[in-house]
């Protein structure tokens, strides 16, 4: 019998706006910045990537579990609707 393939690692990542949880995503711990930007764009919260003011919480890499979002006012309003 062949050895089974290892299961991919998964983690929970919670996006915060003004200290409040907005969404919790289950994801692999790779490419988190791209995941967050893509999620915000697909939810029609972002019109342009420049509306993101800060995603420094993602610099923790695998250790990131909660990420405070700092968005331009127009994107923040869409997020909190």
Protein backbone atom coordinates (compact mmCIF):
# COMPACT_ATOMS: atom_id res chain seq x y z
CA UNK A 1 0.00 0.00 0.00
CA UNK A 2 1.39 3.40 -0.98
CA UNK A 3 1.87 6.10 1.62
CA UNK A 4 -0.97 8.63 1.54
CA UNK A 5 -0.18 12.19 0.58
CA UNK A 6 0.10 14.59 3.52
CA UNK A 7 -2.89 16.83 4.11
CA UNK A 8 -2.33 20.52 3.48
CA UNK A 9 -2.06 22.74 6.53
CA UNK A 10 -5.01 25.04 7.14
CA UNK A 11 -5.54 27.96 9.46
CA UNK A 12 -8.22 30.48 10.38
CA UNK A 13 -7.61 34.12 9.44
CA UNK A 14 -9.93 36.82 10.80
CA UNK A 15 -10.07 40.23 9.12
CA UNK A 16 -10.81 43.11 11.49
CA UNK A 17 -12.11 46.60 10.78
CA UNK A 18 -11.99 49.13 13.60
CA UNK A 19 -11.21 46.23 15.95
CA UNK A 20 -14.34 44.28 15.01
CA UNK A 21 -14.32 40.96 13.11
CA UNK A 22 -15.54 41.27 9.53
CA UNK A 23 -14.94 37.77 8.22
CA UNK A 24 -13.03 34.64 9.18
CA UNK A 25 -11.49 32.68 6.33
CA UNK A 26 -10.18 29.13 6.41
CA UNK A 27 -7.08 29.05 4.26
CA UNK A 28 -3.64 27.62 3.72
CA UNK A 29 -0.98 29.83 5.34
CA UNK A 30 0.59 30.81 2.02
CA UNK A 31 -0.04 33.95 -0.04
CA UNK A 32 -2.20 35.59 2.64
CA UNK A 33 -1.77 39.10 1.23
CA UNK A 34 -3.09 37.94 -2.14
CA UNK A 35 -5.98 36.13 -0.44
CA UNK A 36 -7.05 39.23 1.50
CA UNK A 37 -6.76 41.58 -1.49
CA UNK A 38 -8.64 39.11 -3.70
CA UNK A 39 -11.39 38.64 -1.11
CA UNK A 40 -11.85 42.41 -0.69
CA UNK A 41 -11.96 42.88 -4.47
CA UNK A 42 -14.40 39.97 -5.05
CA UNK A 43 -16.72 41.32 -2.35
CA UNK A 44 -16.69 44.64 -4.27
CA UNK A 45 -15.22 46.45 -1.27
CA UNK A 46 -12.19 47.60 -3.26
CA UNK A 47 -12.27 49.39 -6.56
CA UNK A 48 -8.49 49.83 -6.60
CA UNK A 49 -5.71 48.21 -4.60
CA UNK A 50 -4.62 51.72 -3.56
CA UNK A 51 -7.64 51.80 -1.24
CA UNK A 52 -5.70 49.50 1.10
CA UNK A 53 -3.76 51.71 3.48
CA UNK A 54 -2.17 49.00 5.61
CA UNK A 55 -2.01 45.21 5.83
CA UNK A 56 1.03 45.01 8.10
CA UNK A 57 -0.67 42.30 10.20
CA UNK A 58 0.05 39.89 7.35
CA UNK A 59 3.79 40.39 7.81
CA UNK A 60 3.58 37.83 10.63
CA UNK A 61 3.23 35.13 7.95
CA UNK A 62 2.01 31.83 9.38
CA UNK A 63 1.58 33.39 12.83
CA UNK A 64 -1.09 35.85 11.61
CA UNK A 65 -4.54 34.92 12.92
CA UNK A 66 -6.18 38.35 13.09
CA UNK A 67 -5.42 41.07 10.57
CA UNK A 68 -6.52 44.66 11.14
CA UNK A 69 -7.60 46.21 7.84
CA UNK A 70 -6.81 49.86 7.24
CA UNK A 71 -8.79 50.97 4.22
CA UNK A 72 -9.65 54.26 2.56
CA UNK A 73 -12.92 55.77 3.75
CA UNK A 74 -14.94 54.67 0.70
CA UNK A 75 -13.81 51.04 1.03
CA UNK A 76 -14.34 51.08 4.81
CA UNK A 77 -17.94 52.23 4.30
CA UNK A 78 -18.61 49.35 1.86
CA UNK A 79 -17.05 46.88 4.28
CA UNK A 80 -19.24 47.93 7.19
CA UNK A 81 -22.54 47.82 5.25
